N, C-alpha and C. Protein backbone atom coordinates (compact mmCIF):
# COMPACT_ATOMS: atom_id res chain seq x y z
N UNK A 1 -15.17 -7.58 -1.22
CA UNK A 1 -14.47 -6.13 -0.56
C UNK A 1 -13.60 -5.96 -1.25
N UNK A 2 -13.10 -4.81 -1.24
CA UNK A 2 -11.46 -4.47 -2.05
C UNK A 2 -10.48 -4.84 -1.13
N UNK A 3 -9.34 -5.44 -1.39
CA UNK A 3 -8.08 -5.43 -0.41
C UNK A 3 -7.05 -4.73 -1.09
N UNK A 4 -6.74 -3.88 -0.06
CA UNK A 4 -5.50 -3.09 0.01
C UNK A 4 -4.03 -2.85 0.61
N UNK A 5 -3.19 -3.23 0.30
CA UNK A 5 -1.99 -3.99 0.63
C UNK A 5 -0.70 -3.00 0.61
N UNK A 6 -0.73 -1.92 1.73
CA UNK A 6 0.51 -1.20 1.65
C UNK A 6 1.88 -1.71 1.59
N UNK A 7 2.96 -1.05 1.15
CA UNK A 7 4.24 -1.59 1.23
C UNK A 7 5.18 -0.54 1.01
N UNK A 8 6.41 -0.48 1.58
CA UNK A 8 7.58 0.59 1.24
C UNK A 8 7.39 1.29 2.69
N UNK A 9 6.93 1.12 3.84
CA UNK A 9 7.65 1.97 4.95
C UNK A 9 8.85 1.32 5.18
N UNK A 10 9.20 1.98 6.33
CA UNK A 10 10.59 1.88 6.87
C UNK A 10 11.35 2.57 7.72
N UNK A 11 12.46 2.46 8.18
CA UNK A 11 13.12 3.73 8.70
C UNK A 11 14.23 4.34 8.06
N UNK A 12 14.19 5.77 8.08
CA UNK A 12 14.70 6.57 7.20
C UNK A 12 15.26 7.84 7.82
N UNK A 13 16.59 8.37 7.71
CA UNK A 13 17.10 9.50 8.39
C UNK A 13 16.33 10.64 7.77
N UNK A 14 16.28 11.73 8.75
CA UNK A 14 16.01 13.00 8.04
C UNK A 14 16.47 13.49 6.64
N UNK A 15 15.60 14.26 5.96
CA UNK A 15 16.15 14.19 4.58
C UNK A 15 16.05 13.53 3.41
N UNK A 16 15.61 12.34 3.94
CA UNK A 16 15.57 10.82 3.09
C UNK A 16 14.51 10.90 2.43
N UNK A 17 14.18 9.74 1.57
CA UNK A 17 12.96 9.45 0.89
C UNK A 17 12.64 8.19 0.83
N UNK A 18 11.35 7.75 0.52
CA UNK A 18 10.54 6.62 0.67
C UNK A 18 9.54 6.74 -0.46
N UNK A 19 8.79 5.57 -0.96
CA UNK A 19 8.23 5.51 -1.62
C UNK A 19 7.27 4.52 -1.30
N UNK A 20 6.21 4.82 -0.79
CA UNK A 20 4.81 3.98 -0.57
C UNK A 20 4.13 3.34 -1.66
N UNK A 21 3.56 1.80 -1.65
CA UNK A 21 2.62 1.81 -2.73
C UNK A 21 1.73 0.88 -1.91
N UNK A 22 0.49 1.29 -2.56
CA UNK A 22 -0.94 0.78 -1.99
C UNK A 22 -1.46 -0.03 -3.36
N UNK A 23 -1.19 -1.60 -3.51
CA UNK A 23 -1.57 -2.51 -4.40
C UNK A 23 -3.14 -2.71 -4.16
N UNK A 24 -3.87 -2.46 -5.09
CA UNK A 24 -5.50 -2.70 -5.01
C UNK A 24 -6.13 -3.81 -5.76
N UNK A 25 -6.65 -4.56 -5.13
CA UNK A 25 -7.21 -5.95 -5.53
C UNK A 25 -8.16 -5.80 -7.04
N UNK A 26 -8.56 -4.65 -7.31
CA UNK A 26 -9.38 -4.38 -8.63
C UNK A 26 -9.09 -3.07 -9.22
N UNK A 27 -9.72 -2.89 -10.39
CA UNK A 27 -9.50 -1.96 -11.16
C UNK A 27 -9.40 -0.61 -10.46
N UNK A 28 -8.50 0.29 -10.72
CA UNK A 28 -8.73 1.55 -10.00
C UNK A 28 -9.65 2.67 -10.48
N UNK A 29 -9.82 2.39 -11.82
CA UNK A 29 -11.40 2.97 -12.56
C UNK A 29 -12.61 3.02 -11.89
N UNK A 30 -12.64 1.98 -10.81
CA UNK A 30 -13.80 2.01 -9.89
C UNK A 30 -13.86 2.92 -8.48
N UNK A 31 -12.82 3.83 -8.63
CA UNK A 31 -12.79 4.32 -7.23
C UNK A 31 -12.56 6.14 -7.56
N UNK A 32 -13.85 6.90 -6.92
CA UNK A 32 -13.61 8.24 -7.32
C UNK A 32 -12.42 8.91 -6.62
N UNK A 33 -12.06 8.36 -5.46
CA UNK A 33 -10.57 8.91 -4.48
C UNK A 33 -10.00 7.92 -3.98
N UNK A 34 -8.67 8.11 -4.32
CA UNK A 34 -7.60 6.96 -3.52
C UNK A 34 -6.74 8.32 -2.88
N UNK A 35 -6.47 7.67 -1.72
CA UNK A 35 -5.50 8.75 -0.82
C UNK A 35 -4.52 7.87 -0.17
N UNK A 36 -4.02 8.88 0.87
CA UNK A 36 -2.93 8.39 1.74
C UNK A 36 -3.42 9.19 3.32
N UNK A 37 -3.61 8.49 4.42
CA UNK A 37 -3.66 9.41 5.36
C UNK A 37 -2.55 8.56 6.35
N UNK A 38 -2.23 9.60 7.51
CA UNK A 38 -1.03 8.88 8.53
C UNK A 38 -1.76 9.33 9.67
N UNK A 39 -1.10 8.28 10.77
CA UNK A 39 -1.55 8.80 12.17
C UNK A 39 -0.73 8.60 13.10
N UNK A 40 -0.23 9.40 13.93
CA UNK A 40 0.93 9.35 14.71
C UNK A 40 0.67 8.82 15.80
N UNK A 41 1.54 8.36 16.77
CA UNK A 41 0.86 8.06 18.21
C UNK A 41 0.36 9.27 18.95
N UNK A 42 -0.64 8.64 19.42
CA UNK A 42 -1.32 9.76 20.29
C UNK A 42 -2.58 10.77 19.34
N UNK A 43 -2.57 10.33 18.07
CA UNK A 43 -3.18 11.58 17.15
C UNK A 43 -3.71 10.94 16.66
N UNK A 44 -4.83 11.93 15.64
CA UNK A 44 -6.19 11.64 14.83
C UNK A 44 -5.35 10.99 13.83
N UNK A 45 -5.97 10.54 12.70
CA UNK A 45 -5.65 10.15 11.55
C UNK A 45 -5.93 11.17 10.62
N UNK A 46 -4.94 11.64 9.78
CA UNK A 46 -5.00 12.91 9.03
C UNK A 46 -4.96 12.46 7.48
N UNK A 47 -5.25 13.50 6.53
CA UNK A 47 -5.42 13.14 5.53
C UNK A 47 -3.84 13.55 4.75
N UNK A 48 -3.04 12.92 4.19
CA UNK A 48 -1.84 13.34 3.52
C UNK A 48 -1.88 13.92 2.02
N UNK A 49 -2.78 12.98 1.26
CA UNK A 49 -2.77 13.40 -0.26
C UNK A 49 -4.00 12.69 -0.70
N UNK A 50 -4.51 13.01 -1.80
CA UNK A 50 -5.60 12.29 -2.56
C UNK A 50 -5.64 12.78 -3.64
N UNK A 51 -5.88 11.44 -4.74
CA UNK A 51 -6.04 11.75 -6.19
C UNK A 51 -7.29 11.21 -6.49
N UNK A 52 -8.04 11.94 -7.43
CA UNK A 52 -9.43 11.89 -7.87
C UNK A 52 -8.95 11.04 -9.01
N UNK A 53 -10.57 10.70 -9.23
CA UNK A 53 -10.39 9.97 -10.59
C UNK A 53 -10.13 10.26 -11.60
N UNK A 54 -10.33 12.02 -12.08
CA UNK A 54 -9.83 12.28 -13.12
C UNK A 54 -8.12 12.72 -13.27
N UNK A 55 -7.67 12.40 -12.00
CA UNK A 55 -6.31 12.53 -11.76
C UNK A 55 -5.66 14.13 -10.97
N UNK A 56 -6.67 14.79 -10.77
CA UNK A 56 -6.48 15.62 -10.19
C UNK A 56 -5.80 15.32 -8.32
N UNK A 57 -4.82 15.98 -8.31
CA UNK A 57 -4.25 15.69 -6.61
C UNK A 57 -4.35 16.71 -5.86
N UNK A 58 -4.35 16.50 -4.70
CA UNK A 58 -4.28 17.87 -3.35
C UNK A 58 -3.53 17.29 -2.04
N UNK A 59 -2.96 17.96 -1.09
CA UNK A 59 -2.11 17.63 -0.42
C UNK A 59 -2.05 18.80 0.79
N UNK A 60 -2.11 17.99 1.96
CA UNK A 60 -1.84 18.42 3.20
C UNK A 60 -0.68 19.59 3.04
N UNK A 61 -1.08 20.53 3.83
CA UNK A 61 -0.15 21.77 3.76
C UNK A 61 1.29 21.06 4.49
N UNK A 62 1.23 20.51 5.37
CA UNK A 62 2.58 20.29 5.76
C UNK A 62 3.53 19.03 4.99
N UNK A 63 2.86 18.64 3.98
CA UNK A 63 3.73 17.92 2.84
C UNK A 63 3.54 18.49 1.25
N UNK A 64 3.12 19.65 1.16
CA UNK A 64 3.12 20.06 -0.09
C UNK A 64 4.66 20.59 -0.40
N UNK A 65 4.78 20.24 -1.59
CA UNK A 65 6.33 20.18 -2.34
C UNK A 65 7.48 19.26 -1.86
N UNK A 66 7.06 18.23 -1.04
CA UNK A 66 7.96 17.38 -0.43
C UNK A 66 7.25 15.79 -0.95
N UNK A 67 6.14 15.70 -0.82
CA UNK A 67 5.06 14.40 -1.17
C UNK A 67 4.52 14.67 -2.80
N UNK A 68 4.50 13.56 -3.29
CA UNK A 68 4.00 13.41 -4.44
C UNK A 68 2.67 12.39 -4.59
N UNK A 69 1.49 12.21 -4.83
CA UNK A 69 0.82 11.15 -5.02
C UNK A 69 0.37 10.77 -6.62
N UNK A 70 0.58 9.58 -6.63
CA UNK A 70 0.33 8.96 -8.47
C UNK A 70 -0.42 7.88 -8.49
N UNK A 71 -0.68 7.42 -9.53
CA UNK A 71 -1.39 6.18 -9.76
C UNK A 71 -0.87 5.44 -11.35
N UNK A 72 -0.82 4.26 -11.03
CA UNK A 72 -0.65 3.70 -11.90
C UNK A 72 -1.82 2.61 -12.31
N UNK A 73 -2.39 3.03 -13.10
CA UNK A 73 -4.16 2.37 -13.79
C UNK A 73 -3.80 0.81 -14.24
N UNK A 74 -2.57 0.74 -14.71
CA UNK A 74 -2.37 -0.38 -15.37
C UNK A 74 -1.88 -1.53 -14.34
N UNK A 75 -1.52 -1.31 -13.34
CA UNK A 75 -0.82 -1.97 -12.15
C UNK A 75 -1.92 -1.96 -11.02
N UNK A 76 -2.67 -0.88 -11.16
CA UNK A 76 -3.93 -1.13 -9.77
C UNK A 76 -3.17 -0.52 -8.67
N UNK A 77 -2.18 0.33 -9.10
CA UNK A 77 -1.59 0.73 -7.50
C UNK A 77 -1.22 2.31 -7.48
N UNK A 78 -1.62 2.61 -6.29
CA UNK A 78 -1.25 4.24 -6.16
C UNK A 78 0.16 4.32 -5.17
N UNK A 79 0.90 5.30 -5.13
CA UNK A 79 1.92 5.56 -4.96
C UNK A 79 2.08 6.89 -3.98
N UNK A 80 2.95 6.83 -3.12
CA UNK A 80 3.27 8.04 -2.44
C UNK A 80 4.85 8.40 -2.25
N UNK A 81 5.15 9.18 -3.16
CA UNK A 81 6.69 9.45 -3.15
C UNK A 81 6.87 10.56 -2.42
N UNK A 82 7.96 10.11 -1.18
CA UNK A 82 7.92 11.12 0.19
C UNK A 82 9.31 11.61 0.21
N UNK A 83 9.82 12.69 0.02
CA UNK A 83 11.30 13.34 -0.20
C UNK A 83 11.22 14.25 0.94
N UNK A 84 12.81 14.64 1.27
CA UNK A 84 12.83 15.42 2.51
C UNK A 84 12.23 15.13 3.55
N UNK A 85 12.44 13.95 3.86
CA UNK A 85 11.42 13.54 5.07
C UNK A 85 11.99 14.27 6.43
N UNK A 86 10.90 14.10 7.34
CA UNK A 86 11.42 15.14 8.72
C UNK A 86 11.01 14.32 9.49
N UNK A 87 11.49 14.14 11.06
CA UNK A 87 10.91 13.60 12.23
C UNK A 87 9.79 13.48 12.31
N UNK A 88 8.97 14.91 11.96
CA UNK A 88 7.43 14.74 12.23
C UNK A 88 6.55 14.06 11.30
N UNK A 89 7.29 13.59 10.21
CA UNK A 89 6.48 12.70 9.44
C UNK A 89 6.47 11.35 9.69
N UNK A 90 6.92 10.92 11.01
CA UNK A 90 7.05 9.52 11.63
C UNK A 90 5.05 9.42 11.98
N UNK A 91 5.08 7.99 11.30
CA UNK A 91 3.40 8.07 11.54
C UNK A 91 3.10 6.41 11.02
N UNK A 92 2.21 5.73 11.00
CA UNK A 92 1.40 4.85 10.39
C UNK A 92 0.74 5.53 8.98
N UNK A 93 1.05 4.83 8.39
CA UNK A 93 0.28 5.38 6.86
C UNK A 93 -0.64 4.45 6.14
N UNK A 94 -1.74 4.85 5.97
CA UNK A 94 -2.83 4.10 5.47
C UNK A 94 -3.40 4.45 4.25
N UNK A 95 -3.40 3.56 3.53
CA UNK A 95 -4.04 3.69 1.86
C UNK A 95 -5.47 3.98 2.23
N UNK A 96 -6.12 4.45 1.34
CA UNK A 96 -7.93 4.70 1.41
C UNK A 96 -8.36 4.82 0.29
N UNK A 97 -9.62 4.39 -0.11
CA UNK A 97 -9.98 4.50 -1.39
C UNK A 97 -11.76 4.53 -1.29
N UNK A 98 -12.45 5.08 -1.91
CA UNK A 98 -13.83 5.59 -1.93
C UNK A 98 -13.93 4.96 -3.55
N UNK A 99 -15.58 4.60 -3.32
CA UNK A 99 -15.80 3.80 -4.53
C UNK A 99 -16.80 4.95 -5.26
N UNK A 100 -16.48 4.83 -6.77
CA UNK A 100 -17.74 5.53 -7.50
C UNK A 100 -19.10 5.42 -7.21
N UNK A 101 -20.08 6.08 -7.39
CA UNK A 101 -21.64 5.38 -7.09
C UNK A 101 -21.96 5.14 -5.64
N UNK A 102 -21.33 4.47 -5.24
CA UNK A 102 -21.81 3.71 -4.15
C UNK A 102 -21.26 4.38 -2.86
N UNK A 103 -20.04 5.15 -2.99
CA UNK A 103 -19.31 5.75 -1.83
C UNK A 103 -18.78 4.86 -0.50
N UNK A 104 -18.64 3.51 -0.94
CA UNK A 104 -18.16 2.69 -0.28
C UNK A 104 -16.58 2.87 0.12
N UNK A 105 -16.28 2.69 1.43
CA UNK A 105 -14.68 3.21 1.38
C UNK A 105 -14.23 2.02 2.16
N UNK A 106 -12.59 2.06 1.74
CA UNK A 106 -11.86 0.87 2.29
C UNK A 106 -10.36 1.62 2.76
N UNK A 107 -9.97 0.51 3.85
CA UNK A 107 -8.44 1.44 4.64
C UNK A 107 -7.76 -0.32 4.22
N UNK A 108 -6.24 0.17 4.02
CA UNK A 108 -5.41 -0.93 4.09
C UNK A 108 -4.79 -1.17 5.59
N UNK A 109 -3.81 -1.89 5.81
CA UNK A 109 -3.80 -2.36 7.35
C UNK A 109 -2.90 -1.48 7.59
N UNK A 110 -2.13 -0.31 6.68
CA UNK A 110 -1.09 0.40 7.34
C UNK A 110 0.30 0.08 7.08
N UNK A 111 1.24 1.06 6.94
CA UNK A 111 2.42 0.80 6.99
C UNK A 111 3.43 1.87 7.62
N UNK A 112 4.42 1.40 8.42
CA UNK A 112 4.98 2.10 9.36
C UNK A 112 6.30 2.87 8.74
N UNK A 113 6.42 4.29 8.96
CA UNK A 113 7.42 5.34 8.44
C UNK A 113 7.67 6.05 9.77
N UNK A 114 9.21 5.69 9.99
CA UNK A 114 9.87 6.39 10.82
C UNK A 114 10.97 7.25 10.60
N UNK A 115 11.07 8.21 10.77
CA UNK A 115 12.34 9.48 10.31
C UNK A 115 13.04 9.44 11.58
N UNK A 116 14.24 9.13 11.31
CA UNK A 116 15.05 9.86 12.56
C UNK A 116 15.76 11.02 12.33
N UNK A 117 16.19 11.68 13.23
CA UNK A 117 16.72 12.90 13.39
C UNK A 117 18.38 13.00 13.38
């Protein structure tokens, strides 16, 4: 099973920036989709951004223009650059992948992002 290890979370003031990283234990070329989700206390886990194998991306409306998802194929890592952070971005952020062909999915353990006002 693929291992996903997130890092980069922390406490930041509103308006600040963070970059999340998700290190993948195998080649990213094996995945049809790589994504970031988030889950705030008492709420469901929601999709934040995804990047497809061809490189096309999409974002939740709430983060468009502020967050950028990217992938470093050589490092087998997917990133989430988060700018202009707001208190409502506070959540645990999870890395997610879905394999090509088998559609098997995997999740990371999550990293906490806290934005203070």
